[in-house]
Amino acid sequence: MDPLLEQWQKDYKNATPKLDTAALLSQITSARKKQSIKAWLDLVAGAFVSLFCIYALIFEATSTPEQVLYTILTPLPIGFSVWAFIQRKKLIKTHTLDVNGLLLFKKQQLINQINYWRLNLIGCSILWAALCITAAVSILMYNYTTIWLTQVGIGTLVLIATLARYIHVKLNFKSKLKLIESLK
């Protein structure tokens, strides 16, 4: 064999990152199981929150602003949960028969994660704004101070936690994506 060709092959092998396909496949199998569990938990949680909104609308709402709020809120949690469920199930069905398929799965998992938290942040922000408006109306018109301040406080904590998670995912997105791209 030509020494120049042998040197080129050796350089190519040295430049190609070592990839433990068995470990990568194990990670993806584990990730698929986790995605499936998360998909079902999201769906159940969304249904639970929507059912709570229906309960609150029927039995707890004492003013028109509260009734409007619960009516608007009822489809949002289940809608988001169904969207997240579909996204996760699509990811689980991704074919991973070769190394490129495995890496594509990891890349799609990252993209889905950032989309999930971005949409979650938008939804939480909208819900928090609606909650603040309804709380202001209920406090000013009906003097229901304690319960609404408590709800706004809890909503604020949820919004802060969602924002923190989104920022964390977004800051790590590019470096994780570069790592996956470097393995191709």
Protein backbone atom coordinates (compact mmCIF):
# COMPACT_ATOMS: atom_id res chain seq x y z
CA MET A 1 0.00 0.00 0.00
CA ASP A 2 1.12 3.52 -0.71
CA PRO A 3 2.74 5.10 2.41
CA LEU A 4 0.95 8.38 1.73
CA LEU A 5 -2.43 6.59 1.68
CA GLU A 6 -1.58 4.74 4.89
CA GLN A 7 -0.60 8.03 6.54
CA TRP A 8 -3.83 9.64 5.35
CA GLN A 9 -5.91 6.74 6.75
CA LYS A 10 -4.04 6.92 10.06
CA ASP A 11 -4.57 10.70 10.27
CA TYR A 12 -8.26 10.27 9.45
CA LYS A 13 -8.71 7.65 12.18
CA ASN A 14 -6.87 9.84 14.69
CA ALA A 15 -8.97 12.88 13.76
CA THR A 16 -12.22 10.95 14.07
CA PRO A 17 -13.51 11.11 17.64
CA LYS A 18 -13.77 7.82 19.47
CA LEU A 19 -17.41 6.94 19.85
CA ASP A 20 -18.63 4.25 22.19
CA THR A 21 -21.72 3.22 20.25
CA ALA A 22 -22.80 0.72 22.92
CA ALA A 23 -22.77 3.46 25.58
CA LEU A 24 -24.56 5.85 23.24
CA LEU A 25 -27.22 3.24 22.46
CA SER A 26 -27.63 2.56 26.18
CA GLN A 27 -28.09 6.28 26.83
CA ILE A 28 -30.70 6.52 24.09
CA THR A 29 -32.59 3.47 25.36
CA SER A 30 -32.65 5.06 28.80
CA ALA A 31 -33.65 8.43 27.32
CA ARG A 32 -36.53 6.79 25.43
CA LYS A 33 -37.85 5.24 28.62
CA LYS A 34 -37.57 8.59 30.44
CA GLN A 35 -39.25 10.41 27.54
CA SER A 36 -42.12 7.94 27.61
CA ILE A 37 -42.60 8.37 31.37
CA LYS A 38 -42.39 12.17 31.04
CA ALA A 39 -44.88 12.12 28.16
CA TRP A 40 -47.46 10.27 30.23
CA LEU A 41 -46.80 12.37 33.35
CA ASP A 42 -47.23 15.56 31.31
CA LEU A 43 -50.50 14.27 29.90
CA VAL A 44 -51.85 13.25 33.31
CA ALA A 45 -50.73 16.51 34.94
CA GLY A 46 -52.29 18.59 32.19
CA ALA A 47 -55.57 16.68 32.47
CA PHE A 48 -55.51 17.11 36.26
CA VAL A 49 -54.96 20.88 36.03
CA SER A 50 -57.69 21.24 33.40
CA LEU A 51 -60.08 19.21 35.56
CA PHE A 52 -59.21 21.43 38.53
CA CYS A 53 -60.02 24.50 36.41
CA ILE A 54 -63.41 22.98 35.57
CA TYR A 55 -64.00 22.23 39.26
CA ALA A 56 -63.01 25.79 40.21
CA LEU A 57 -65.24 27.22 37.50
CA ILE A 58 -68.27 25.28 38.70
CA PHE A 59 -67.79 25.28 42.47
CA GLU A 60 -65.33 28.02 43.45
CA ALA A 61 -65.70 30.96 41.07
CA THR A 62 -67.59 33.71 42.89
CA SER A 63 -67.18 36.55 40.42
CA THR A 64 -67.38 37.07 36.69
CA PRO A 65 -63.60 37.69 36.34
CA GLU A 66 -62.92 34.37 38.07
CA GLN A 67 -65.37 32.56 35.81
CA VAL A 68 -63.77 34.10 32.72
CA LEU A 69 -60.29 33.20 33.98
CA TYR A 70 -61.18 29.56 34.64
CA THR A 71 -62.99 29.29 31.32
CA ILE A 72 -59.91 30.57 29.48
CA LEU A 73 -57.50 28.47 31.54
CA THR A 74 -59.32 25.15 31.25
CA PRO A 75 -58.11 24.09 27.76
CA LEU A 76 -54.55 25.46 28.10
CA PRO A 77 -52.95 22.84 30.39
CA ILE A 78 -54.38 19.85 28.54
CA GLY A 79 -53.55 21.46 25.18
CA PHE A 80 -49.94 21.99 26.19
CA SER A 81 -49.76 18.48 27.61
CA VAL A 82 -51.09 16.93 24.42
CA TRP A 83 -48.53 18.92 22.39
CA ALA A 84 -45.69 17.78 24.68
CA PHE A 85 -46.97 14.19 24.56
CA ILE A 86 -46.97 14.18 20.75
CA GLN A 87 -43.49 15.71 20.59
CA ARG A 88 -42.06 13.15 22.99
CA LYS A 89 -43.74 10.22 21.23
CA LYS A 90 -42.33 11.42 17.87
CA LEU A 91 -38.87 11.50 19.42
CA ILE A 92 -39.27 8.02 20.86
CA LYS A 93 -40.18 6.64 17.42
CA THR A 94 -37.01 8.07 15.82
CA HIS A 95 -35.04 5.29 14.16
CA THR A 96 -31.57 4.73 15.58
CA LEU A 97 -30.16 1.91 13.52
CA ASP A 98 -26.75 3.46 12.94
CA VAL A 99 -24.44 5.99 14.58
CA ASN A 100 -25.87 8.88 12.56
CA GLY A 101 -29.37 7.86 13.68
CA LEU A 102 -28.23 7.78 17.29
CA LEU A 103 -26.68 11.22 16.99
CA LEU A 104 -29.77 12.56 15.22
CA PHE A 105 -31.87 11.26 18.13
CA LYS A 106 -29.67 13.11 20.64
CA LYS A 107 -29.82 16.30 18.54
CA GLN A 108 -33.61 16.11 18.21
CA GLN A 109 -33.87 15.50 21.95
CA LEU A 110 -32.00 18.76 22.59
CA ILE A 111 -34.15 20.69 20.12
CA ASN A 112 -37.35 19.30 21.66
CA GLN A 113 -36.11 20.19 25.14
CA ILE A 114 -35.47 23.83 24.30
CA ASN A 115 -38.80 24.11 22.42
CA TYR A 116 -40.62 22.53 25.37
CA TRP A 117 -39.18 24.98 27.91
CA ARG A 118 -39.64 27.98 25.59
CA LEU A 119 -43.33 27.18 25.08
CA ASN A 120 -43.66 26.38 28.78
CA LEU A 121 -42.20 29.80 29.64
CA ILE A 122 -44.54 31.58 27.21
CA GLY A 123 -47.55 29.72 28.62
CA CYS A 124 -46.56 30.38 32.22
CA SER A 125 -46.03 34.06 31.43
CA ILE A 126 -49.47 34.37 29.85
CA LEU A 127 -51.09 32.51 32.74
CA TRP A 128 -49.23 34.63 35.28
CA ALA A 129 -50.33 37.85 33.55
CA ALA A 130 -53.95 36.64 33.46
CA LEU A 131 -53.70 35.67 37.12
CA CYS A 132 -52.34 39.11 38.06
CA ILE A 133 -55.11 40.89 36.14
CA THR A 134 -57.80 38.72 37.69
CA ALA A 135 -56.26 39.14 41.14
CA ALA A 136 -56.19 42.91 40.75
CA VAL A 137 -59.83 42.99 39.70
CA SER A 138 -60.87 40.64 42.52
CA ILE A 139 -58.93 42.59 45.13
CA LEU A 140 -60.15 46.00 43.98
CA MET A 141 -63.78 45.08 43.30
CA TYR A 142 -64.50 42.25 45.74
CA ASN A 143 -61.81 42.67 48.42
CA TYR A 144 -60.59 39.05 48.12
CA THR A 145 -57.05 39.91 49.12
CA THR A 146 -55.43 36.94 50.89
CA ILE A 147 -56.33 34.15 48.47
CA TRP A 148 -55.39 36.15 45.39
CA LEU A 149 -52.08 37.39 46.81
CA THR A 150 -51.25 33.80 47.71
CA GLN A 151 -52.09 32.63 44.19
CA VAL A 152 -50.04 35.41 42.60
CA GLY A 153 -47.13 34.54 44.92
CA ILE A 154 -47.26 30.85 43.97
CA GLY A 155 -47.65 31.76 40.30
CA THR A 156 -44.61 34.01 40.55
CA LEU A 157 -42.54 31.18 42.02
CA VAL A 158 -43.64 28.85 39.22
CA LEU A 159 -42.78 31.50 36.62
CA ILE A 160 -39.33 32.09 38.16
CA ALA A 161 -38.61 28.33 38.25
CA THR A 162 -39.71 27.96 34.62
CA LEU A 163 -37.58 30.93 33.56
CA ALA A 164 -34.55 29.55 35.42
CA ARG A 165 -34.95 26.14 33.76
CA TYR A 166 -35.34 27.72 30.31
CA ILE A 167 -32.22 29.85 30.80
CA HIS A 168 -30.26 26.80 31.97
CA VAL A 169 -31.37 24.72 28.96
CA LYS A 170 -30.68 27.58 26.55
CA LEU A 171 -27.18 28.28 27.94
CA ASN A 172 -26.19 24.62 27.59
CA PHE A 173 -27.87 24.10 24.21
CA LYS A 174 -25.06 25.28 21.92
CA SER A 175 -22.29 23.42 23.72
CA LYS A 176 -24.28 20.17 23.76
CA LEU A 177 -25.17 20.62 20.10
CA LYS A 178 -21.51 21.22 19.20
CA LEU A 179 -20.54 18.06 21.07
CA ILE A 180 -23.04 16.03 19.08
CA GLU A 181 -21.92 17.64 15.79
CA SER A 182 -18.28 16.89 16.61
CA LEU A 183 -19.07 13.18 16.84
CA LYS A 184 -20.32 13.02 13.23
